[in-house]
Each structure stands twice: as structure tokens, then as C-alpha cells.
Amino acid sequence: MAAKSRLAGHAGIPALVEAGGPSVDMHPWAALVAVAGTPAPVVEKLQRDILTVLGLAEVRDRASLAGFEITPSTPQALRDRLHADIAL
């Protein structure tokens, strides 16, 4: 697994460096996006609803079993992440 440490949902799978590989810290991500010009109230409602769903234990458990760590964000943080990844 390309992470600095083992994932909670997969504690039996060693991180790449533990298995003798190089030290790699990968952070794949996914995001829900809306078209430019979407009204702010719509974006804000989507943000609230998404946070509600991502806070559900069932959703978090299923994500963990699939090897994902849920880290909710904000529209501005996503913009910052996109700009940082593009620069990288």
C-alpha cells in the first residue's frame, strides 16, 4: 500500500516501506464538482448534504473496507488542492 502507515481498515496489509519498498506517500482523492456558475446556495446545500452522508457510520465503514479514508473538505480547499496538484 502506497501510504506512510497502514490503513485502519486493512491493518494486516503493510505499507510499501514496511514491505521493503521505497518510502512513498500517495494521497489519491475524489471530489464532487459542479459546473462554473452554480449558485452559491446550491453549492452550500450540496456541501451540507455531502458532509451529512460522509458522517454516517455505514458510509465511513464501507469506505474504510474499500481502503479509503474519508476527509471531507470545502470548495476552497478543493480549489487549493487542484492548484497544488497542477503545480506539482
PDB file of N, CA and C in Angstrom:
ATOM      1  N   MET A   1       0.839  -1.156   0.000  1.00  0.00           N
ATOM      2  CA  MET A   1       0.000   0.000   0.000  1.00  0.00           C
ATOM      3  C   MET A   1       0.893   1.230   0.000  1.00  0.00           C
ATOM      4  N   ALA A   2       0.616   2.174  -0.869  1.00  0.00           N
ATOM      5  CA  ALA A   2       1.443   3.376  -1.000  1.00  0.00           C
ATOM      6  C   ALA A   2       0.984   4.456  -0.030  1.00  0.00           C
ATOM      7  N   ALA A   3       1.251   4.242   1.235  1.00  0.00           N
ATOM      8  CA  ALA A   3       0.957   5.213   2.285  1.00  0.00           C
ATOM      9  C   ALA A   3       2.069   5.106   3.315  1.00  0.00           C
ATOM     10  N   LYS A   4       2.190   6.110   4.169  1.00  0.00           N
ATOM     11  CA  LYS A   4       3.247   6.083   5.180  1.00  0.00           C
ATOM     12  C   LYS A   4       2.958   5.064   6.274  1.00  0.00           C
ATOM     13  N   SER A   5       1.679   4.757   6.486  1.00  0.00           N
ATOM     14  CA  SER A   5       1.322   3.801   7.527  1.00  0.00           C
ATOM     15  C   SER A   5       0.139   2.961   7.058  1.00  0.00           C
ATOM     16  N   ARG A   6      -0.135   1.926   7.807  1.00  0.00           N
ATOM     17  CA  ARG A   6      -1.234   1.031   7.458  1.00  0.00           C
ATOM     18  C   ARG A   6      -2.579   1.725   7.602  1.00  0.00           C
ATOM     19  N   LEU A   7      -3.520   1.348   6.749  1.00  0.00           N
ATOM     20  CA  LEU A   7      -4.874   1.873   6.855  1.00  0.00           C
ATOM     21  C   LEU A   7      -5.610   1.138   7.966  1.00  0.00           C
ATOM     22  N   ALA A   8      -6.432   1.862   8.713  1.00  0.00           N
ATOM     23  CA  ALA A   8      -7.162   1.265   9.827  1.00  0.00           C
ATOM     24  C   ALA A   8      -8.003   0.072   9.385  1.00  0.00           C
ATOM     25  N   GLY A   9      -8.637   0.169   8.238  1.00  0.00           N
ATOM     26  CA  GLY A   9      -9.489  -0.915   7.759  1.00  0.00           C
ATOM     27  C   GLY A   9      -8.736  -2.094   7.181  1.00  0.00           C
ATOM     28  N   HIS A  10      -7.418  -1.951   7.047  1.00  0.00           N
ATOM     29  CA  HIS A  10      -6.588  -3.008   6.457  1.00  0.00           C
ATOM     30  C   HIS A  10      -5.282  -3.133   7.228  1.00  0.00           C
ATOM     31  N   ALA A  11      -5.400  -3.260   8.536  1.00  0.00           N
ATOM     32  CA  ALA A  11      -4.208  -3.285   9.398  1.00  0.00           C
ATOM     33  C   ALA A  11      -3.269  -4.447   9.081  1.00  0.00           C
ATOM     34  N   GLY A  12      -3.778  -5.491   8.453  1.00  0.00           N
ATOM     35  CA  GLY A  12      -2.941  -6.637   8.118  1.00  0.00           C
ATOM     36  C   GLY A  12      -2.109  -6.449   6.866  1.00  0.00           C
ATOM     37  N   ILE A  13      -2.336  -5.377   6.135  1.00  0.00           N
ATOM     38  CA  ILE A  13      -1.584  -5.116   4.905  1.00  0.00           C
ATOM     39  C   ILE A  13      -0.508  -4.079   5.213  1.00  0.00           C
ATOM     40  N   PRO A  14       0.762  -4.437   5.043  1.00  0.00           N
ATOM     41  CA  PRO A  14       1.822  -3.488   5.373  1.00  0.00           C
ATOM     42  C   PRO A  14       1.906  -2.334   4.379  1.00  0.00           C
ATOM     43  N   ALA A  15       2.374  -1.220   4.882  1.00  0.00           N
ATOM     44  CA  ALA A  15       2.673  -0.096   3.996  1.00  0.00           C
ATOM     45  C   ALA A  15       3.836  -0.518   3.103  1.00  0.00           C
ATOM     46  N   LEU A  16       4.001   0.110   1.971  1.00  0.00           N
ATOM     47  CA  LEU A  16       5.023  -0.251   0.999  1.00  0.00           C
ATOM     48  C   LEU A  16       6.414  -0.287   1.630  1.00  0.00           C
ATOM     49  N   VAL A  17       6.734   0.728   2.421  1.00  0.00           N
ATOM     50  CA  VAL A  17       8.051   0.787   3.042  1.00  0.00           C
ATOM     51  C   VAL A  17       8.255  -0.364   4.030  1.00  0.00           C
ATOM     52  N   GLU A  18       7.183  -0.792   4.709  1.00  0.00           N
ATOM     53  CA  GLU A  18       7.275  -1.925   5.626  1.00  0.00           C
ATOM     54  C   GLU A  18       7.579  -3.224   4.870  1.00  0.00           C
ATOM     55  N   ALA A  19       7.147  -3.287   3.624  1.00  0.00           N
ATOM     56  CA  ALA A  19       7.348  -4.486   2.814  1.00  0.00           C
ATOM     57  C   ALA A  19       8.666  -4.436   2.052  1.00  0.00           C
ATOM     58  N   GLY A  20       9.507  -3.445   2.352  1.00  0.00           N
ATOM     59  CA  GLY A  20      10.809  -3.352   1.707  1.00  0.00           C
ATOM     60  C   GLY A  20      10.849  -2.448   0.493  1.00  0.00           C
ATOM     61  N   GLY A  21       9.754  -1.778   0.196  1.00  0.00           N
ATOM     62  CA  GLY A  21       9.710  -0.877  -0.953  1.00  0.00           C
ATOM     63  C   GLY A  21      10.158   0.520  -0.583  1.00  0.00           C
ATOM     64  N   PRO A  22      10.097   1.418  -1.549  1.00  0.00           N
ATOM     65  CA  PRO A  22      10.505   2.795  -1.280  1.00  0.00           C
ATOM     66  C   PRO A  22       9.481   3.516  -0.399  1.00  0.00           C
ATOM     67  N   SER A  23       9.934   4.560   0.249  1.00  0.00           N
ATOM     68  CA  SER A  23       9.037   5.370   1.064  1.00  0.00           C
ATOM     69  C   SER A  23       8.219   6.253   0.135  1.00  0.00           C
ATOM     70  N   VAL A  24       6.946   5.949   0.027  1.00  0.00           N
ATOM     71  CA  VAL A  24       6.043   6.677  -0.857  1.00  0.00           C
ATOM     72  C   VAL A  24       4.854   7.134  -0.029  1.00  0.00           C
ATOM     73  N   ASP A  25       4.411   8.331  -0.275  1.00  0.00           N
ATOM     74  CA  ASP A  25       3.207   8.806   0.411  1.00  0.00           C
ATOM     75  C   ASP A  25       2.245   9.324  -0.638  1.00  0.00           C
ATOM     76  N   MET A  26       1.326   8.472  -1.028  1.00  0.00           N
ATOM     77  CA  MET A  26       0.358   8.797  -2.062  1.00  0.00           C
ATOM     78  C   MET A  26      -0.966   9.173  -1.422  1.00  0.00           C
ATOM     79  N   HIS A  27      -1.598  10.186  -1.927  1.00  0.00           N
ATOM     80  CA  HIS A  27      -2.899  10.602  -1.414  1.00  0.00           C
ATOM     81  C   HIS A  27      -3.886  10.771  -2.562  1.00  0.00           C
ATOM     82  N   PRO A  28      -4.372   9.660  -3.109  1.00  0.00           N
ATOM     83  CA  PRO A  28      -5.387   9.800  -4.153  1.00  0.00           C
ATOM     84  C   PRO A  28      -6.635  10.427  -3.549  1.00  0.00           C
ATOM     85  N   TRP A  29      -7.387  11.101  -4.382  1.00  0.00           N
ATOM     86  CA  TRP A  29      -8.579  11.768  -3.873  1.00  0.00           C
ATOM     87  C   TRP A  29      -9.665  11.759  -4.929  1.00  0.00           C
ATOM     88  N   ALA A  30     -10.854  12.024  -4.477  1.00  0.00           N
ATOM     89  CA  ALA A  30     -12.005  12.154  -5.368  1.00  0.00           C
ATOM     90  C   ALA A  30     -12.806  13.347  -4.889  1.00  0.00           C
ATOM     91  N   ALA A  31     -13.538  13.945  -5.793  1.00  0.00           N
ATOM     92  CA  ALA A  31     -14.326  15.123  -5.429  1.00  0.00           C
ATOM     93  C   ALA A  31     -15.601  15.166  -6.264  1.00  0.00           C
ATOM     94  N   LEU A  32     -16.585  15.810  -5.704  1.00  0.00           N
ATOM     95  CA  LEU A  32     -17.808  16.104  -6.431  1.00  0.00           C
ATOM     96  C   LEU A  32     -17.694  17.556  -6.868  1.00  0.00           C
ATOM     97  N   VAL A  33     -17.881  17.803  -8.133  1.00  0.00           N
ATOM     98  CA  VAL A  33     -17.765  19.167  -8.651  1.00  0.00           C
ATOM     99  C   VAL A  33     -19.068  19.591  -9.322  1.00  0.00           C
ATOM    100  N   ALA A  34     -19.246  20.885  -9.410  1.00  0.00           N
ATOM    101  CA  ALA A  34     -20.418  21.451 -10.089  1.00  0.00           C
ATOM    102  C   ALA A  34     -19.912  22.362 -11.206  1.00  0.00           C
ATOM    103  N   VAL A  35     -20.770  22.636 -12.148  1.00  0.00           N
ATOM    104  CA  VAL A  35     -20.379  23.496 -13.257  1.00  0.00           C
ATOM    105  C   VAL A  35     -20.137  24.920 -12.760  1.00  0.00           C
ATOM    106  N   ALA A  36     -19.260  25.624 -13.445  1.00  0.00           N
ATOM    107  CA  ALA A  36     -18.998  27.022 -13.106  1.00  0.00           C
ATOM    108  C   ALA A  36     -20.306  27.796 -13.146  1.00  0.00           C
ATOM    109  N   GLY A  37     -20.470  28.675 -12.194  1.00  0.00           N
ATOM    110  CA  GLY A  37     -21.669  29.494 -12.155  1.00  0.00           C
ATOM    111  C   GLY A  37     -22.821  28.890 -11.366  1.00  0.00           C
ATOM    112  N   THR A  38     -22.608  27.708 -10.780  1.00  0.00           N
ATOM    113  CA  THR A  38     -23.658  27.138  -9.941  1.00  0.00           C
ATOM    114  C   THR A  38     -23.913  28.117  -8.795  1.00  0.00           C
ATOM    115  N   PRO A  39     -25.158  28.452  -8.544  1.00  0.00           N
ATOM    116  CA  PRO A  39     -25.458  29.425  -7.476  1.00  0.00           C
ATOM    117  C   PRO A  39     -24.887  28.981  -6.127  1.00  0.00           C
ATOM    118  N   ALA A  40     -24.338  29.939  -5.386  1.00  0.00           N
ATOM    119  CA  ALA A  40     -23.729  29.651  -4.082  1.00  0.00           C
ATOM    120  C   ALA A  40     -24.666  28.883  -3.153  1.00  0.00           C
ATOM    121  N   PRO A  41     -25.957  29.231  -3.070  1.00  0.00           N
ATOM    122  CA  PRO A  41     -26.837  28.465  -2.170  1.00  0.00           C
ATOM    123  C   PRO A  41     -26.927  26.980  -2.539  1.00  0.00           C
ATOM    124  N   VAL A  42     -26.836  26.670  -3.823  1.00  0.00           N
ATOM    125  CA  VAL A  42     -26.876  25.274  -4.271  1.00  0.00           C
ATOM    126  C   VAL A  42     -25.585  24.571  -3.841  1.00  0.00           C
ATOM    127  N   VAL A  43     -24.451  25.218  -4.042  1.00  0.00           N
ATOM    128  CA  VAL A  43     -23.165  24.639  -3.636  1.00  0.00           C
ATOM    129  C   VAL A  43     -23.149  24.425  -2.123  1.00  0.00           C
ATOM    130  N   GLU A  44     -23.654  25.390  -1.378  1.00  0.00           N
ATOM    131  CA  GLU A  44     -23.675  25.278   0.087  1.00  0.00           C
ATOM    132  C   GLU A  44     -24.568  24.134   0.545  1.00  0.00           C
ATOM    133  N   LYS A  45     -25.719  23.944  -0.105  1.00  0.00           N
ATOM    134  CA  LYS A  45     -26.606  22.838   0.257  1.00  0.00           C
ATOM    135  C   LYS A  45     -25.949  21.499  -0.071  1.00  0.00           C
ATOM    136  N   LEU A  46     -25.341  21.412  -1.239  1.00  0.00           N
ATOM    137  CA  LEU A  46     -24.625  20.185  -1.598  1.00  0.00           C
ATOM    138  C   LEU A  46     -23.538  19.880  -0.563  1.00  0.00           C
ATOM    139  N   GLN A  47     -22.789  20.897  -0.165  1.00  0.00           N
ATOM    140  CA  GLN A  47     -21.725  20.720   0.818  1.00  0.00           C
ATOM    141  C   GLN A  47     -22.293  20.176   2.132  1.00  0.00           C
ATOM    142  N   ARG A  48     -23.380  20.768   2.617  1.00  0.00           N
ATOM    143  CA  ARG A  48     -24.002  20.303   3.870  1.00  0.00           C
ATOM    144  C   ARG A  48     -24.480  18.859   3.740  1.00  0.00           C
ATOM    145  N   ASP A  49     -25.153  18.567   2.628  1.00  0.00           N
ATOM    146  CA  ASP A  49     -25.705  17.219   2.434  1.00  0.00           C
ATOM    147  C   ASP A  49     -24.597  16.176   2.309  1.00  0.00           C
ATOM    148  N   ILE A  50     -23.547  16.520   1.610  1.00  0.00           N
ATOM    149  CA  ILE A  50     -22.420  15.591   1.448  1.00  0.00           C
ATOM    150  C   ILE A  50     -21.763  15.327   2.801  1.00  0.00           C
ATOM    151  N   LEU A  51     -21.556  16.373   3.591  1.00  0.00           N
ATOM    152  CA  LEU A  51     -20.970  16.193   4.921  1.00  0.00           C
ATOM    153  C   LEU A  51     -21.843  15.303   5.793  1.00  0.00           C
ATOM    154  N   THR A  52     -23.155  15.456   5.670  1.00  0.00           N
ATOM    155  CA  THR A  52     -24.073  14.609   6.437  1.00  0.00           C
ATOM    156  C   THR A  52     -23.891  13.148   6.056  1.00  0.00           C
ATOM    157  N   VAL A  53     -23.871  12.870   4.762  1.00  0.00           N
ATOM    158  CA  VAL A  53     -23.732  11.492   4.287  1.00  0.00           C
ATOM    159  C   VAL A  53     -22.369  10.923   4.660  1.00  0.00           C
ATOM    160  N   LEU A  54     -21.310  11.708   4.488  1.00  0.00           N
ATOM    161  CA  LEU A  54     -19.961  11.221   4.814  1.00  0.00           C
ATOM    162  C   LEU A  54     -19.779  11.003   6.313  1.00  0.00           C
ATOM    163  N   GLY A  55     -20.650  11.580   7.109  1.00  0.00           N
ATOM    164  CA  GLY A  55     -20.590  11.384   8.546  1.00  0.00           C
ATOM    165  C   GLY A  55     -21.301  10.129   9.028  1.00  0.00           C
ATOM    166  N   LEU A  56     -22.039   9.478   8.144  1.00  0.00           N
ATOM    167  CA  LEU A  56     -22.763   8.261   8.524  1.00  0.00           C
ATOM    168  C   LEU A  56     -21.789   7.108   8.751  1.00  0.00           C
ATOM    169  N   ALA A  57     -21.988   6.395   9.853  1.00  0.00           N
ATOM    170  CA  ALA A  57     -21.090   5.281  10.186  1.00  0.00           C
ATOM    171  C   ALA A  57     -21.035   4.245   9.068  1.00  0.00           C
ATOM    172  N   GLU A  58     -22.177   3.944   8.462  1.00  0.00           N
ATOM    173  CA  GLU A  58     -22.198   2.932   7.391  1.00  0.00           C
ATOM    174  C   GLU A  58     -21.327   3.363   6.208  1.00  0.00           C
ATOM    175  N   VAL A  59     -21.406   4.621   5.842  1.00  0.00           N
ATOM    176  CA  VAL A  59     -20.611   5.130   4.723  1.00  0.00           C
ATOM    177  C   VAL A  59     -19.125   5.081   5.076  1.00  0.00           C
ATOM    178  N   ARG A  60     -18.776   5.529   6.281  1.00  0.00           N
ATOM    179  CA  ARG A  60     -17.376   5.534   6.707  1.00  0.00           C
ATOM    180  C   ARG A  60     -16.830   4.100   6.781  1.00  0.00           C
ATOM    181  N   ASP A  61     -17.625   3.175   7.293  1.00  0.00           N
ATOM    182  CA  ASP A  61     -17.194   1.778   7.395  1.00  0.00           C
ATOM    183  C   ASP A  61     -16.955   1.167   6.019  1.00  0.00           C
ATOM    184  N   ARG A  62     -17.885   1.419   5.095  1.00  0.00           N
ATOM    185  CA  ARG A  62     -17.730   0.851   3.746  1.00  0.00           C
ATOM    186  C   ARG A  62     -16.519   1.457   3.042  1.00  0.00           C
ATOM    187  N   ALA A  63     -16.312   2.742   3.225  1.00  0.00           N
ATOM    188  CA  ALA A  63     -15.148   3.394   2.620  1.00  0.00           C
ATOM    189  C   ALA A  63     -13.868   2.799   3.187  1.00  0.00           C
ATOM    190  N   SER A  64     -13.827   2.592   4.485  1.00  0.00           N
ATOM    191  CA  SER A  64     -12.643   2.021   5.127  1.00  0.00           C
ATOM    192  C   SER A  64     -12.360   0.621   4.601  1.00  0.00           C
ATOM    193  N   LEU A  65     -13.406  -0.182   4.449  1.00  0.00           N
ATOM    194  CA  LEU A  65     -13.218  -1.536   3.916  1.00  0.00           C
ATOM    195  C   LEU A  65     -12.675  -1.516   2.493  1.00  0.00           C
ATOM    196  N   ALA A  66     -13.002  -0.466   1.757  1.00  0.00           N
ATOM    197  CA  ALA A  66     -12.515  -0.339   0.383  1.00  0.00           C
ATOM    198  C   ALA A  66     -11.134   0.316   0.330  1.00  0.00           C
ATOM    199  N   GLY A  67     -10.595   0.678   1.496  1.00  0.00           N
ATOM    200  CA  GLY A  67      -9.255   1.269   1.533  1.00  0.00           C
ATOM    201  C   GLY A  67      -9.233   2.779   1.432  1.00  0.00           C
ATOM    202  N   PHE A  68     -10.369   3.415   1.634  1.00  0.00           N
ATOM    203  CA  PHE A  68     -10.445   4.873   1.539  1.00  0.00           C
ATOM    204  C   PHE A  68     -10.527   5.489   2.924  1.00  0.00           C
ATOM    205  N   GLU A  69      -9.894   6.616   3.089  1.00  0.00           N
ATOM    206  CA  GLU A  69     -10.041   7.404   4.298  1.00  0.00           C
ATOM    207  C   GLU A  69     -10.833   8.649   3.914  1.00  0.00           C
ATOM    208  N   ILE A  70     -11.978   8.844   4.532  1.00  0.00           N
ATOM    209  CA  ILE A  70     -12.815   9.991   4.213  1.00  0.00           C
ATOM    210  C   ILE A  70     -12.277  11.223   4.926  1.00  0.00           C
ATOM    211  N   THR A  71     -11.985  12.228   4.142  1.00  0.00           N
ATOM    212  CA  THR A  71     -11.502  13.501   4.690  1.00  0.00           C
ATOM    213  C   THR A  71     -12.291  14.623   4.026  1.00  0.00           C
ATOM    214  N   PRO A  72     -13.452  14.941   4.585  1.00  0.00           N
ATOM    215  CA  PRO A  72     -14.284  16.000   3.996  1.00  0.00           C
ATOM    216  C   PRO A  72     -13.506  17.301   3.862  1.00  0.00           C
ATOM    217  N   SER A  73     -13.901  18.081   2.895  1.00  0.00           N
ATOM    218  CA  SER A  73     -13.188  19.307   2.591  1.00  0.00           C
ATOM    219  C   SER A  73     -14.197  20.412   2.284  1.00  0.00           C
ATOM    220  N   THR A  74     -13.692  21.476   1.717  1.00  0.00           N
ATOM    221  CA  THR A  74     -14.530  22.604   1.324  1.00  0.00           C
ATOM    222  C   THR A  74     -14.258  22.930  -0.140  1.00  0.00           C
ATOM    223  N   PRO A  75     -15.143  23.688  -0.764  1.00  0.00           N
ATOM    224  CA  PRO A  75     -14.875  24.090  -2.157  1.00  0.00           C
ATOM    225  C   PRO A  75     -13.532  24.826  -2.293  1.00  0.00           C
ATOM    226  N   GLN A  76     -13.205  25.706  -1.350  1.00  0.00           N
ATOM    227  CA  GLN A  76     -11.931  26.431  -1.446  1.00  0.00           C
ATOM    228  C   GLN A  76     -10.746  25.489  -1.265  1.00  0.00           C
ATOM    229  N   ALA A  77     -10.850  24.548  -0.345  1.00  0.00           N
ATOM    230  CA  ALA A  77      -9.763  23.586  -0.149  1.00  0.00           C
ATOM    231  C   ALA A  77      -9.566  22.736  -1.399  1.00  0.00           C
ATOM    232  N   LEU A  78     -10.653  22.395  -2.095  1.00  0.00           N
ATOM    233  CA  LEU A  78     -10.536  21.645  -3.346  1.00  0.00           C
ATOM    234  C   LEU A  78      -9.831  22.486  -4.403  1.00  0.00           C
ATOM    235  N   ARG A  79     -10.196  23.760  -4.506  1.00  0.00           N
ATOM    236  CA  ARG A  79      -9.502  24.642  -5.459  1.00  0.00           C
ATOM    237  C   ARG A  79      -8.005  24.693  -5.145  1.00  0.00           C
ATOM    238  N   ASP A  80      -7.685  24.837  -3.867  1.00  0.00           N
ATOM    239  CA  ASP A  80      -6.277  24.890  -3.454  1.00  0.00           C
ATOM    240  C   ASP A  80      -5.563  23.591  -3.807  1.00  0.00           C
ATOM    241  N   ARG A  81      -6.229  22.459  -3.566  1.00  0.00           N
ATOM    242  CA  ARG A  81      -5.637  21.144  -3.859  1.00  0.00           C
ATOM    243  C   ARG A  81      -5.397  21.002  -5.366  1.00  0.00           C
ATOM    244  N   LEU A  82      -6.370  21.410  -6.166  1.00  0.00           N
ATOM    245  CA  LEU A  82      -6.214  21.328  -7.625  1.00  0.00           C
ATOM    246  C   LEU A  82      -5.041  22.165  -8.094  1.00  0.00           C
ATOM    247  N   HIS A  83      -4.929  23.375  -7.590  1.00  0.00           N
ATOM    248  CA  HIS A  83      -3.811  24.244  -7.982  1.00  0.00           C
ATOM    249  C   HIS A  83      -2.472  23.654  -7.543  1.00  0.00           C
ATOM    250  N   ALA A  84      -2.418  23.087  -6.336  1.00  0.00           N
ATOM    251  CA  ALA A  84      -1.185  22.472  -5.852  1.00  0.00           C
ATOM    252  C   ALA A  84      -0.805  21.253  -6.690  1.00  0.00           C
ATOM    253  N   ASP A  85      -1.802  20.429  -7.027  1.00  0.00           N
ATOM    254  CA  ASP A  85      -1.517  19.237  -7.838  1.00  0.00           C
ATOM    255  C   ASP A  85      -1.079  19.626  -9.245  1.00  0.00           C
ATOM    256  N   ILE A  86      -1.688  20.628  -9.799  1.00  0.00           N
ATOM    257  CA  ILE A  86      -1.295  21.095 -11.129  1.00  0.00           C
ATOM    258  C   ILE A  86       0.147  21.609 -11.097  1.00  0.00           C
ATOM    259  N   ALA A  87       0.489  22.365 -10.066  1.00  0.00           N
ATOM    260  CA  ALA A  87       1.856  22.887  -9.932  1.00  0.00           C
ATOM    261  C   ALA A  87       2.855  21.746  -9.756  1.00  0.00           C
ATOM    262  N   LEU A  88       2.458  20.705  -9.056  1.00  0.00           N
ATOM    263  CA  LEU A  88       3.340  19.551  -8.840  1.00  0.00           C
ATOM    264  C   LEU A  88       3.623  18.837 -10.138  1.00  0.00           C
TER     265      LEU A  88
END
